[in-house]
Amino acid sequence: MNLFMKKKLSDYEYRLRWKRLLQATVAGVCIVILFLGGGFLIWHIREKFVNDRISAQELWESGAYKDIFDISGTILEETPLDYEMLILRGFSAYQLALAQITISDKAVYIEKSIQYLRKALLVKTTIMDGAIQYVLGKAYYGKGAEYAGLAVQSLEFAKQMGFSGDDMNEYLGIAYAALRDYRMSVAALTEALNSPRGEGHFSDALLLSIANSYIALDDFNMAIAYLMRCLDISKDDNAKRLVRFKLGDIYFKQEDYSAAENQYTAILKDFGENADSHYWLGEINAARNNQIQARAEWRKAVQIDPTHRSARSRLTLR
């Protein structure tokens, strides 16, 4: 593949041109990341274009992450502490992780992203540290809930440096929730909701995340408020069903049985027969001392799902 000249290049010239292209790509990548994050960074580079046809930013925006990942890796074999190449390999690895289908393949690229970005931070300190910590925090989050602490640490560091990623507070909120720090989770998620990106574009996932943190704090009134907002804006049937189950559970705990009954009845009406809905309708009737109707609902639950343990237990079935 010859992106630069029609005449044949020597191996040295070829590698040199690729290195210049990738160094310029670092600038393009950083501009893209920071522009999307609501900020802007002037990054000093020696040349904006390798030639008049290929822009560094265009290369990244074209999604050629695997090429960037492979070529930066080749250059790092010769110069292991090349700062720009470490950043590019780390950033491209993260993008490749997002594109993987299997968990194992995703994990490989997540590990690579963390490895090279951490190394870049050790090589030198620059104004790029905020962007690096931002991607590093998201990569840690991608490793699983047990790495939520490291995700929070990196994302908060990026925030302290003035970096503003569009989804940073969402990641912070979810990571704090994984740490069971629900007050910080609510604070971060609410900030995300009130950001220019969130304002007027509430996602059901974001509203549901805030509601879950309020539920964990036993602040049911605030949880209900966010669940209702989620119900109003969501176009996802699965999300709506989940919201109604959560509302039903809250109302049941508050002994507002009529409100709880309305939620479970709405699930049956909107989404068809459901064993869990009938089970909880049985619980509501039991709480009202209507044992006949309660057992009728539990029997419906078992008819729909013969393995429903809670309903079977209520009917003393084994």
C-alpha atoms as a PDB file:
ATOM      1  CA  MET A   1       0.000   0.000   0.000  1.00  0.00           C
ATOM      2  CA  ASN A   2       1.545   3.335  -1.071  1.00  0.00           C
ATOM      3  CA  LEU A   3      -0.174   6.382   0.311  1.00  0.00           C
ATOM      4  CA  PHE A   4       2.513   8.895  -0.433  1.00  0.00           C
ATOM      5  CA  MET A   5       4.237   8.622  -3.836  1.00  0.00           C
ATOM      6  CA  LYS A   6       3.917   6.624  -7.009  1.00  0.00           C
ATOM      7  CA  LYS A   7       7.639   5.888  -7.167  1.00  0.00           C
ATOM      8  CA  LYS A   8       8.990   3.058  -5.058  1.00  0.00           C
ATOM      9  CA  LEU A   9      10.327   4.131  -1.674  1.00  0.00           C
ATOM     10  CA  SER A  10      13.088   2.580   0.351  1.00  0.00           C
ATOM     11  CA  ASP A  11      12.135   0.885   3.615  1.00  0.00           C
ATOM     12  CA  TYR A  12      13.672   3.759   5.540  1.00  0.00           C
ATOM     13  CA  GLU A  13      11.798   6.419   3.572  1.00  0.00           C
ATOM     14  CA  TYR A  14       8.571   4.460   3.908  1.00  0.00           C
ATOM     15  CA  ARG A  15       8.874   4.178   7.696  1.00  0.00           C
ATOM     16  CA  LEU A  16       9.889   7.844   7.974  1.00  0.00           C
ATOM     17  CA  ARG A  17       6.848   9.029   6.053  1.00  0.00           C
ATOM     18  CA  TRP A  18       4.546   6.780   8.071  1.00  0.00           C
ATOM     19  CA  LYS A  19       6.035   8.109  11.295  1.00  0.00           C
ATOM     20  CA  ARG A  20       5.460  11.697  10.183  1.00  0.00           C
ATOM     21  CA  LEU A  21       1.915  10.847   9.213  1.00  0.00           C
ATOM     22  CA  LEU A  22       1.188   9.221  12.554  1.00  0.00           C
ATOM     23  CA  GLN A  23       2.789  12.065  14.493  1.00  0.00           C
ATOM     24  CA  ALA A  24       0.491  14.421  12.676  1.00  0.00           C
ATOM     25  CA  THR A  25      -2.390  12.055  13.379  1.00  0.00           C
ATOM     26  CA  VAL A  26      -1.810  12.500  17.119  1.00  0.00           C
ATOM     27  CA  ALA A  27      -2.681  16.145  16.649  1.00  0.00           C
ATOM     28  CA  GLY A  28      -5.752  15.292  14.616  1.00  0.00           C
ATOM     29  CA  VAL A  29      -6.930  12.719  17.138  1.00  0.00           C
ATOM     30  CA  CYS A  30      -6.467  15.107  20.031  1.00  0.00           C
ATOM     31  CA  ILE A  31      -8.371  17.836  18.232  1.00  0.00           C
ATOM     32  CA  VAL A  32     -11.228  15.428  17.491  1.00  0.00           C
ATOM     33  CA  ILE A  33     -11.366  14.159  21.084  1.00  0.00           C
ATOM     34  CA  LEU A  34     -11.200  17.613  22.630  1.00  0.00           C
ATOM     35  CA  PHE A  35     -13.601  19.176  20.147  1.00  0.00           C
ATOM     36  CA  LEU A  36     -16.161  16.502  20.951  1.00  0.00           C
ATOM     37  CA  GLY A  37     -15.522  17.105  24.628  1.00  0.00           C
ATOM     38  CA  GLY A  38     -16.467  20.749  24.396  1.00  0.00           C
ATOM     39  CA  GLY A  39     -12.904  22.017  24.634  1.00  0.00           C
ATOM     40  CA  PHE A  40     -10.145  22.857  22.203  1.00  0.00           C
ATOM     41  CA  LEU A  41      -6.415  22.214  22.424  1.00  0.00           C
ATOM     42  CA  ILE A  42      -3.704  23.824  20.290  1.00  0.00           C
ATOM     43  CA  TRP A  43      -1.131  21.108  19.790  1.00  0.00           C
ATOM     44  CA  HIS A  44       2.206  22.159  18.319  1.00  0.00           C
ATOM     45  CA  ILE A  45       3.155  20.004  15.351  1.00  0.00           C
ATOM     46  CA  ARG A  46       5.784  20.407  12.703  1.00  0.00           C
ATOM     47  CA  GLU A  47       3.554  19.593   9.759  1.00  0.00           C
ATOM     48  CA  LYS A  48      -0.211  19.354   9.415  1.00  0.00           C
ATOM     49  CA  PHE A  49      -0.186  17.246   6.277  1.00  0.00           C
ATOM     50  CA  VAL A  50       2.175  14.566   5.023  1.00  0.00           C
ATOM     51  CA  ASN A  51       1.247  15.654   1.542  1.00  0.00           C
ATOM     52  CA  ASP A  52      -1.580  17.598  -0.011  1.00  0.00           C
ATOM     53  CA  ARG A  53      -3.836  14.523  -0.129  1.00  0.00           C
ATOM     54  CA  ILE A  54      -3.692  12.994   3.324  1.00  0.00           C
ATOM     55  CA  SER A  55      -4.756  14.804   6.471  1.00  0.00           C
ATOM     56  CA  ALA A  56      -3.976  13.340   9.880  1.00  0.00           C
ATOM     57  CA  GLN A  57      -7.442  14.120  11.134  1.00  0.00           C
ATOM     58  CA  GLU A  58      -9.030  12.561   8.050  1.00  0.00           C
ATOM     59  CA  LEU A  59      -7.024   9.399   8.625  1.00  0.00           C
ATOM     60  CA  TRP A  60      -8.423   9.055  12.153  1.00  0.00           C
ATOM     61  CA  GLU A  61     -11.951  10.041  11.159  1.00  0.00           C
ATOM     62  CA  SER A  62     -11.905   7.427   8.396  1.00  0.00           C
ATOM     63  CA  GLY A  63     -11.779   4.790  11.128  1.00  0.00           C
ATOM     64  CA  ALA A  64      -8.449   3.280  10.066  1.00  0.00           C
ATOM     65  CA  TYR A  65      -7.762   2.314  13.680  1.00  0.00           C
ATOM     66  CA  LYS A  66      -6.254  -1.075  12.898  1.00  0.00           C
ATOM     67  CA  ASP A  67      -3.755   0.441  10.455  1.00  0.00           C
ATOM     68  CA  ILE A  68      -2.805   3.109  12.985  1.00  0.00           C
ATOM     69  CA  PHE A  69      -2.529   0.497  15.742  1.00  0.00           C
ATOM     70  CA  ASP A  70      -0.292  -1.795  13.655  1.00  0.00           C
ATOM     71  CA  ILE A  71       1.993   0.881  12.214  1.00  0.00           C
ATOM     72  CA  SER A  72       2.462   2.704  15.511  1.00  0.00           C
ATOM     73  CA  GLY A  73       3.386  -0.690  16.988  1.00  0.00           C
ATOM     74  CA  THR A  74       6.035  -1.215  14.335  1.00  0.00           C
ATOM     75  CA  ILE A  75       7.555   2.195  15.031  1.00  0.00           C
ATOM     76  CA  LEU A  76       7.523   1.532  18.779  1.00  0.00           C
ATOM     77  CA  GLU A  77       9.584  -1.603  18.229  1.00  0.00           C
ATOM     78  CA  GLU A  78      12.413   0.685  17.079  1.00  0.00           C
ATOM     79  CA  THR A  79      11.694   3.622  19.401  1.00  0.00           C
ATOM     80  CA  PRO A  80       9.800   2.249  22.454  1.00  0.00           C
ATOM     81  CA  LEU A  81       9.533   5.652  24.146  1.00  0.00           C
ATOM     82  CA  ASP A  82       8.101   7.570  21.192  1.00  0.00           C
ATOM     83  CA  TYR A  83       5.485   9.659  23.008  1.00  0.00           C
ATOM     84  CA  GLU A  84       3.229  10.332  20.021  1.00  0.00           C
ATOM     85  CA  MET A  85       3.222   6.691  18.988  1.00  0.00           C
ATOM     86  CA  LEU A  86       2.374   5.547  22.517  1.00  0.00           C
ATOM     87  CA  ILE A  87      -0.644   7.856  22.547  1.00  0.00           C
ATOM     88  CA  LEU A  88      -1.773   6.752  19.104  1.00  0.00           C
ATOM     89  CA  ARG A  89      -1.437   3.072  19.900  1.00  0.00           C
ATOM     90  CA  GLY A  90      -3.344   3.538  23.157  1.00  0.00           C
ATOM     91  CA  PHE A  91      -6.131   5.591  21.572  1.00  0.00           C
ATOM     92  CA  SER A  92      -6.502   3.287  18.576  1.00  0.00           C
ATOM     93  CA  ALA A  93      -6.513   0.209  20.830  1.00  0.00           C
ATOM     94  CA  TYR A  94      -9.440   1.664  22.757  1.00  0.00           C
ATOM     95  CA  GLN A  95     -11.358   2.340  19.554  1.00  0.00           C
ATOM     96  CA  LEU A  96     -10.662  -1.207  18.386  1.00  0.00           C
ATOM     97  CA  ALA A  97     -11.920  -2.558  21.722  1.00  0.00           C
ATOM     98  CA  LEU A  98     -15.261  -0.839  21.152  1.00  0.00           C
ATOM     99  CA  ALA A  99     -15.585  -2.570  17.791  1.00  0.00           C
ATOM    100  CA  GLN A 100     -15.015  -6.114  19.069  1.00  0.00           C
ATOM    101  CA  ILE A 101     -17.849  -8.623  19.272  1.00  0.00           C
ATOM    102  CA  THR A 102     -16.449 -11.096  21.770  1.00  0.00           C
ATOM    103  CA  ILE A 103     -15.555 -10.220  25.354  1.00  0.00           C
ATOM    104  CA  SER A 104     -12.144 -11.867  25.046  1.00  0.00           C
ATOM    105  CA  ASP A 105     -11.175  -9.858  21.960  1.00  0.00           C
ATOM    106  CA  LYS A 106     -12.370  -6.651  23.599  1.00  0.00           C
ATOM    107  CA  ALA A 107     -10.320  -7.431  26.702  1.00  0.00           C
ATOM    108  CA  VAL A 108      -7.133  -7.796  24.640  1.00  0.00           C
ATOM    109  CA  TYR A 109      -7.441  -4.312  23.150  1.00  0.00           C
ATOM    110  CA  ILE A 110      -8.521  -2.769  26.464  1.00  0.00           C
ATOM    111  CA  GLU A 111      -5.335  -4.124  28.047  1.00  0.00           C
ATOM    112  CA  LYS A 112      -3.255  -2.743  25.174  1.00  0.00           C
ATOM    113  CA  SER A 113      -4.905   0.664  25.515  1.00  0.00           C
ATOM    114  CA  ILE A 114      -4.162   0.828  29.224  1.00  0.00           C
ATOM    115  CA  GLN A 115      -0.610  -0.436  28.733  1.00  0.00           C
ATOM    116  CA  TYR A 116       0.394   2.190  26.164  1.00  0.00           C
ATOM    117  CA  LEU A 117      -1.439   5.129  27.701  1.00  0.00           C
ATOM    118  CA  ARG A 118       0.116   4.472  31.106  1.00  0.00           C
ATOM    119  CA  LYS A 119       3.501   4.288  29.455  1.00  0.00           C
ATOM    120  CA  ALA A 120       2.877   7.595  27.670  1.00  0.00           C
ATOM    121  CA  LEU A 121       2.122   9.234  31.019  1.00  0.00           C
ATOM    122  CA  LEU A 122       5.445   7.954  32.351  1.00  0.00           C
ATOM    123  CA  VAL A 123       7.433   9.213  29.366  1.00  0.00           C
ATOM    124  CA  LYS A 124       6.542  12.868  29.831  1.00  0.00           C
ATOM    125  CA  THR A 125       4.000  15.290  31.232  1.00  0.00           C
ATOM    126  CA  THR A 126       2.220  17.485  28.695  1.00  0.00           C
ATOM    127  CA  ILE A 127      -1.069  19.283  28.155  1.00  0.00           C
ATOM    128  CA  MET A 128      -2.260  16.004  26.632  1.00  0.00           C
ATOM    129  CA  ASP A 129      -2.422  14.363  30.075  1.00  0.00           C
ATOM    130  CA  GLY A 130      -6.101  15.256  30.469  1.00  0.00           C
ATOM    131  CA  ALA A 131      -7.090  13.574  27.212  1.00  0.00           C
ATOM    132  CA  ILE A 132      -4.939  10.545  28.027  1.00  0.00           C
ATOM    133  CA  GLN A 133      -6.481  10.158  31.488  1.00  0.00           C
ATOM    134  CA  TYR A 134      -9.957  10.510  29.983  1.00  0.00           C
ATOM    135  CA  VAL A 135      -9.460   7.601  27.577  1.00  0.00           C
ATOM    136  CA  LEU A 136      -7.570   5.656  30.241  1.00  0.00           C
ATOM    137  CA  GLY A 137     -10.503   6.049  32.653  1.00  0.00           C
ATOM    138  CA  LYS A 138     -12.956   4.722  30.090  1.00  0.00           C
ATOM    139  CA  ALA A 139     -10.603   1.842  29.334  1.00  0.00           C
ATOM    140  CA  TYR A 140     -10.448   0.930  33.039  1.00  0.00           C
ATOM    141  CA  TYR A 141     -14.236   1.031  33.171  1.00  0.00           C
ATOM    142  CA  GLY A 142     -14.273  -1.357  30.205  1.00  0.00           C
ATOM    143  CA  LYS A 143     -12.355  -3.914  32.284  1.00  0.00           C
ATOM    144  CA  GLY A 144     -15.282  -4.360  34.655  1.00  0.00           C
ATOM    145  CA  ALA A 145     -16.764  -3.122  37.914  1.00  0.00           C
ATOM    146  CA  GLU A 146     -13.727  -4.247  39.923  1.00  0.00           C
ATOM    147  CA  TYR A 147     -11.701  -1.551  38.152  1.00  0.00           C
ATOM    148  CA  ALA A 148     -14.224   1.203  38.877  1.00  0.00           C
ATOM    149  CA  GLY A 149     -11.866   2.786  41.407  1.00  0.00           C
ATOM    150  CA  LEU A 150      -9.130   3.240  38.811  1.00  0.00           C
ATOM    151  CA  ALA A 151     -11.703   4.519  36.315  1.00  0.00           C
ATOM    152  CA  VAL A 152     -12.853   7.174  38.793  1.00  0.00           C
ATOM    153  CA  GLN A 153      -9.259   8.110  39.618  1.00  0.00           C
ATOM    154  CA  SER A 154      -8.334   8.695  35.970  1.00  0.00           C
ATOM    155  CA  LEU A 155     -11.562  10.472  35.036  1.00  0.00           C
ATOM    156  CA  GLU A 156     -11.389  12.782  38.049  1.00  0.00           C
ATOM    157  CA  PHE A 157      -7.765  13.575  37.175  1.00  0.00           C
ATOM    158  CA  ALA A 158      -8.821  14.471  33.632  1.00  0.00           C
ATOM    159  CA  LYS A 159     -11.569  16.664  35.040  1.00  0.00           C
ATOM    160  CA  GLN A 160      -9.150  18.449  37.384  1.00  0.00           C
ATOM    161  CA  MET A 161      -6.927  19.211  34.406  1.00  0.00           C
ATOM    162  CA  GLY A 162      -9.810  20.981  32.705  1.00  0.00           C
ATOM    163  CA  PHE A 163     -10.539  18.281  30.179  1.00  0.00           C
ATOM    164  CA  SER A 164     -14.221  18.035  29.276  1.00  0.00           C
ATOM    165  CA  GLY A 165     -15.393  14.868  27.570  1.00  0.00           C
ATOM    166  CA  ASP A 166     -19.056  14.738  26.596  1.00  0.00           C
ATOM    167  CA  ASP A 167     -19.622  11.422  28.339  1.00  0.00           C
ATOM    168  CA  MET A 168     -17.138  11.857  31.192  1.00  0.00           C
ATOM    169  CA  ASN A 169     -19.743  12.546  33.893  1.00  0.00           C
ATOM    170  CA  GLU A 170     -21.852   9.616  32.714  1.00  0.00           C
ATOM    171  CA  TYR A 171     -18.863   7.290  33.075  1.00  0.00           C
ATOM    172  CA  LEU A 172     -18.020   8.856  36.429  1.00  0.00           C
ATOM    173  CA  GLY A 173     -21.573   8.405  37.666  1.00  0.00           C
ATOM    174  CA  ILE A 174     -21.743   4.760  36.675  1.00  0.00           C
ATOM    175  CA  ALA A 175     -18.261   4.063  38.061  1.00  0.00           C
ATOM    176  CA  TYR A 176     -19.135   5.709  41.390  1.00  0.00           C
ATOM    177  CA  ALA A 177     -22.291   3.583  41.520  1.00  0.00           C
ATOM    178  CA  ALA A 178     -20.144   0.469  41.032  1.00  0.00           C
ATOM    179  CA  LEU A 179     -18.149   1.635  44.073  1.00  0.00           C
ATOM    180  CA  ARG A 180     -21.442   2.071  45.965  1.00  0.00           C
ATOM    181  CA  ASP A 181     -20.721   5.764  46.362  1.00  0.00           C
ATOM    182  CA  TYR A 182     -24.232   6.694  45.311  1.00  0.00           C
ATOM    183  CA  ARG A 183     -24.077  10.338  46.378  1.00  0.00           C
ATOM    184  CA  MET A 184     -21.132  10.986  44.097  1.00  0.00           C
ATOM    185  CA  SER A 185     -22.879   8.924  41.433  1.00  0.00           C
ATOM    186  CA  VAL A 186     -25.982  11.106  41.624  1.00  0.00           C
ATOM    187  CA  ALA A 187     -23.849  14.272  41.542  1.00  0.00           C
ATOM    188  CA  ALA A 188     -21.939  13.197  38.438  1.00  0.00           C
ATOM    189  CA  LEU A 189     -24.972  11.864  36.586  1.00  0.00           C
ATOM    190  CA  THR A 190     -26.998  14.976  37.378  1.00  0.00           C
ATOM    191  CA  GLU A 191     -24.133  17.099  36.056  1.00  0.00           C
ATOM    192  CA  ALA A 192     -24.184  15.027  32.881  1.00  0.00           C
ATOM    193  CA  LEU A 193     -27.932  15.522  32.611  1.00  0.00           C
ATOM    194  CA  ASN A 194     -27.597  19.291  33.024  1.00  0.00           C
ATOM    195  CA  SER A 195     -24.719  19.638  30.573  1.00  0.00           C
ATOM    196  CA  PRO A 196     -25.253  21.215  27.137  1.00  0.00           C
ATOM    197  CA  ARG A 197     -25.092  17.732  25.648  1.00  0.00           C
ATOM    198  CA  GLY A 198     -27.636  16.328  28.097  1.00  0.00           C
ATOM    199  CA  GLU A 199     -30.022  19.268  28.093  1.00  0.00           C
ATOM    200  CA  GLY A 200     -32.958  18.429  25.862  1.00  0.00           C
ATOM    201  CA  HIS A 201     -31.430  15.097  24.911  1.00  0.00           C
ATOM    202  CA  PHE A 202     -32.101  13.004  27.982  1.00  0.00           C
ATOM    203  CA  SER A 203     -31.324   9.349  27.403  1.00  0.00           C
ATOM    204  CA  ASP A 204     -33.420   6.737  29.140  1.00  0.00           C
ATOM    205  CA  ALA A 205     -30.199   5.018  30.234  1.00  0.00           C
ATOM    206  CA  LEU A 206     -28.952   8.181  31.955  1.00  0.00           C
ATOM    207  CA  LEU A 207     -32.266   8.834  33.706  1.00  0.00           C
ATOM    208  CA  LEU A 208     -32.466   5.195  34.779  1.00  0.00           C
ATOM    209  CA  SER A 209     -28.913   5.339  36.162  1.00  0.00           C
ATOM    210  CA  ILE A 210     -29.766   8.382  38.272  1.00  0.00           C
ATOM    211  CA  ALA A 211     -32.940   6.694  39.509  1.00  0.00           C
ATOM    212  CA  ASN A 212     -31.006   3.557  40.474  1.00  0.00           C
ATOM    213  CA  SER A 213     -28.563   5.602  42.553  1.00  0.00           C
ATOM    214  CA  TYR A 214     -31.440   7.348  44.335  1.00  0.00           C
ATOM    215  CA  ILE A 215     -33.046   3.948  45.002  1.00  0.00           C
ATOM    216  CA  ALA A 216     -29.773   2.797  46.563  1.00  0.00           C
ATOM    217  CA  LEU A 217     -29.883   5.916  48.765  1.00  0.00           C
ATOM    218  CA  ASP A 218     -33.502   5.108  49.740  1.00  0.00           C
ATOM    219  CA  ASP A 219     -34.552   8.466  48.317  1.00  0.00           C
ATOM    220  CA  PHE A 220     -37.641   7.034  46.658  1.00  0.00           C
ATOM    221  CA  ASN A 221     -39.302  10.337  45.830  1.00  0.00           C
ATOM    222  CA  MET A 222     -36.357  11.448  43.695  1.00  0.00           C
ATOM    223  CA  ALA A 223     -36.117   7.957  42.190  1.00  0.00           C
ATOM    224  CA  ILE A 224     -39.789   8.093  41.182  1.00  0.00           C
ATOM    225  CA  ALA A 225     -39.301  11.520  39.610  1.00  0.00           C
ATOM    226  CA  TYR A 226     -36.467  10.277  37.370  1.00  0.00           C
ATOM    227  CA  LEU A 227     -38.244   7.021  36.556  1.00  0.00           C
ATOM    228  CA  MET A 228     -41.280   8.982  35.436  1.00  0.00           C
ATOM    229  CA  ARG A 229     -39.119  11.179  33.230  1.00  0.00           C
ATOM    230  CA  CYS A 230     -37.562   8.054  31.767  1.00  0.00           C
ATOM    231  CA  LEU A 231     -41.000   6.600  31.100  1.00  0.00           C
ATOM    232  CA  ASP A 232     -42.033   9.791  29.329  1.00  0.00           C
ATOM    233  CA  ILE A 233     -39.101   9.979  26.923  1.00  0.00           C
ATOM    234  CA  SER A 234     -38.159   6.337  26.339  1.00  0.00           C
ATOM    235  CA  LYS A 235     -39.007   4.655  23.050  1.00  0.00           C
ATOM    236  CA  ASP A 236     -37.482   1.351  24.146  1.00  0.00           C
ATOM    237  CA  ASP A 237     -40.061  -1.215  25.289  1.00  0.00           C
ATOM    238  CA  ASN A 238     -37.519  -3.053  27.414  1.00  0.00           C
ATOM    239  CA  ALA A 239     -36.587   0.169  29.207  1.00  0.00           C
ATOM    240  CA  LYS A 240     -40.246   1.046  29.770  1.00  0.00           C
ATOM    241  CA  ARG A 241     -40.983  -2.402  31.174  1.00  0.00           C
ATOM    242  CA  LEU A 242     -37.981  -2.170  33.509  1.00  0.00           C
ATOM    243  CA  VAL A 243     -39.043   1.306  34.685  1.00  0.00           C
ATOM    244  CA  ARG A 244     -42.561   0.110  35.470  1.00  0.00           C
ATOM    245  CA  PHE A 245     -41.206  -2.830  37.470  1.00  0.00           C
ATOM    246  CA  LYS A 246     -39.004  -0.460  39.477  1.00  0.00           C
ATOM    247  CA  LEU A 247     -41.906   1.897  40.069  1.00  0.00           C
ATOM    248  CA  GLY A 248     -44.097  -1.023  41.137  1.00  0.00           C
ATOM    249  CA  ASP A 249     -41.434  -2.181  43.569  1.00  0.00           C
ATOM    250  CA  ILE A 250     -41.053   1.298  45.099  1.00  0.00           C
ATOM    251  CA  TYR A 251     -44.802   1.811  45.469  1.00  0.00           C
ATOM    252  CA  PHE A 252     -45.166  -1.655  47.026  1.00  0.00           C
ATOM    253  CA  LYS A 253     -42.469  -0.866  49.591  1.00  0.00           C
ATOM    254  CA  GLN A 254     -44.262   2.394  50.361  1.00  0.00           C
ATOM    255  CA  GLU A 255     -47.502   0.402  50.785  1.00  0.00           C
ATOM    256  CA  ASP A 256     -49.119   2.444  48.012  1.00  0.00           C
ATOM    257  CA  TYR A 257     -50.749  -0.684  46.645  1.00  0.00           C
ATOM    258  CA  SER A 258     -53.036   1.060  44.162  1.00  0.00           C
ATOM    259  CA  ALA A 259     -50.089   2.797  42.489  1.00  0.00           C
ATOM    260  CA  ALA A 260     -48.116  -0.464  42.448  1.00  0.00           C
ATOM    261  CA  GLU A 261     -51.083  -2.317  40.975  1.00  0.00           C
ATOM    262  CA  ASN A 262     -51.355   0.273  38.205  1.00  0.00           C
ATOM    263  CA  GLN A 263     -47.727  -0.346  37.185  1.00  0.00           C
ATOM    264  CA  TYR A 264     -48.020  -4.146  37.018  1.00  0.00           C
ATOM    265  CA  THR A 265     -51.364  -3.935  35.220  1.00  0.00           C
ATOM    266  CA  ALA A 266     -49.832  -1.529  32.695  1.00  0.00           C
ATOM    267  CA  ILE A 267     -47.047  -4.032  32.028  1.00  0.00           C
ATOM    268  CA  LEU A 268     -49.593  -6.744  31.224  1.00  0.00           C
ATOM    269  CA  LYS A 269     -51.576  -4.368  29.046  1.00  0.00           C
ATOM    270  CA  ASP A 270     -48.635  -2.937  27.109  1.00  0.00           C
ATOM    271  CA  PHE A 271     -46.335  -5.951  26.869  1.00  0.00           C
ATOM    272  CA  GLY A 272     -48.514  -9.039  27.262  1.00  0.00           C
ATOM    273  CA  GLU A 273     -48.603 -11.792  29.846  1.00  0.00           C
ATOM    274  CA  ASN A 274     -45.757 -11.734  32.328  1.00  0.00           C
ATOM    275  CA  ALA A 275     -45.131 -14.091  35.234  1.00  0.00           C
ATOM    276  CA  ASP A 276     -43.450 -11.483  37.437  1.00  0.00           C
ATOM    277  CA  SER A 277     -46.345  -9.053  37.021  1.00  0.00           C
ATOM    278  CA  HIS A 278     -48.847 -11.668  38.102  1.00  0.00           C
ATOM    279  CA  TYR A 279     -46.636 -12.648  41.030  1.00  0.00           C
ATOM    280  CA  TRP A 280     -46.527  -9.062  42.309  1.00  0.00           C
ATOM    281  CA  LEU A 281     -50.244  -8.596  41.741  1.00  0.00           C
ATOM    282  CA  GLY A 282     -50.597 -11.628  43.974  1.00  0.00           C
ATOM    283  CA  GLU A 283     -48.405  -9.980  46.607  1.00  0.00           C
ATOM    284  CA  ILE A 284     -50.513  -6.825  46.438  1.00  0.00           C
ATOM    285  CA  ASN A 285     -53.708  -8.836  46.970  1.00  0.00           C
ATOM    286  CA  ALA A 286     -52.078 -10.707  49.833  1.00  0.00           C
ATOM    287  CA  ALA A 287     -51.164  -7.395  51.465  1.00  0.00           C
ATOM    288  CA  ARG A 288     -54.828  -6.421  51.129  1.00  0.00           C
ATOM    289  CA  ASN A 289     -55.839  -9.696  52.796  1.00  0.00           C
ATOM    290  CA  ASN A 290     -57.457 -10.933  49.581  1.00  0.00           C
ATOM    291  CA  GLN A 291     -55.963 -14.421  49.647  1.00  0.00           C
ATOM    292  CA  ILE A 292     -58.264 -15.908  47.016  1.00  0.00           C
ATOM    293  CA  GLN A 293     -57.279 -13.343  44.379  1.00  0.00           C
ATOM    294  CA  ALA A 294     -53.665 -13.528  45.511  1.00  0.00           C
ATOM    295  CA  ARG A 295     -53.485 -17.279  44.890  1.00  0.00           C
ATOM    296  CA  ALA A 296     -55.217 -16.813  41.544  1.00  0.00           C
ATOM    297  CA  GLU A 297     -52.468 -14.400  40.479  1.00  0.00           C
ATOM    298  CA  TRP A 298     -49.711 -16.719  41.703  1.00  0.00           C
ATOM    299  CA  ARG A 299     -51.253 -19.596  39.761  1.00  0.00           C
ATOM    300  CA  LYS A 300     -51.211 -17.458  36.608  1.00  0.00           C
ATOM    301  CA  ALA A 301     -47.537 -16.751  37.237  1.00  0.00           C
ATOM    302  CA  VAL A 302     -46.775 -20.485  37.504  1.00  0.00           C
ATOM    303  CA  GLN A 303     -48.820 -21.238  34.376  1.00  0.00           C
ATOM    304  CA  ILE A 304     -46.717 -18.740  32.439  1.00  0.00           C
ATOM    305  CA  ASP A 305     -43.447 -19.802  34.048  1.00  0.00           C
ATOM    306  CA  PRO A 306     -43.567 -23.196  35.796  1.00  0.00           C
ATOM    307  CA  THR A 307     -40.111 -22.523  37.267  1.00  0.00           C
ATOM    308  CA  HIS A 308     -41.088 -19.257  38.958  1.00  0.00           C
ATOM    309  CA  ARG A 309     -39.730 -20.040  42.423  1.00  0.00           C
ATOM    310  CA  SER A 310     -41.378 -17.181  44.319  1.00  0.00           C
ATOM    311  CA  ALA A 311     -44.845 -17.951  42.981  1.00  0.00           C
ATOM    312  CA  ARG A 312     -44.386 -21.696  43.532  1.00  0.00           C
ATOM    313  CA  SER A 313     -43.277 -21.013  47.103  1.00  0.00           C
ATOM    314  CA  ARG A 314     -46.396 -18.949  47.715  1.00  0.00           C
ATOM    315  CA  LEU A 315     -48.500 -21.848  46.462  1.00  0.00           C
ATOM    316  CA  THR A 316     -46.354 -24.263  48.532  1.00  0.00           C
ATOM    317  CA  LEU A 317     -45.386 -26.144  45.386  1.00  0.00           C
ATOM    318  CA  ARG A 318     -42.107 -27.992  45.146  1.00  0.00           C
END
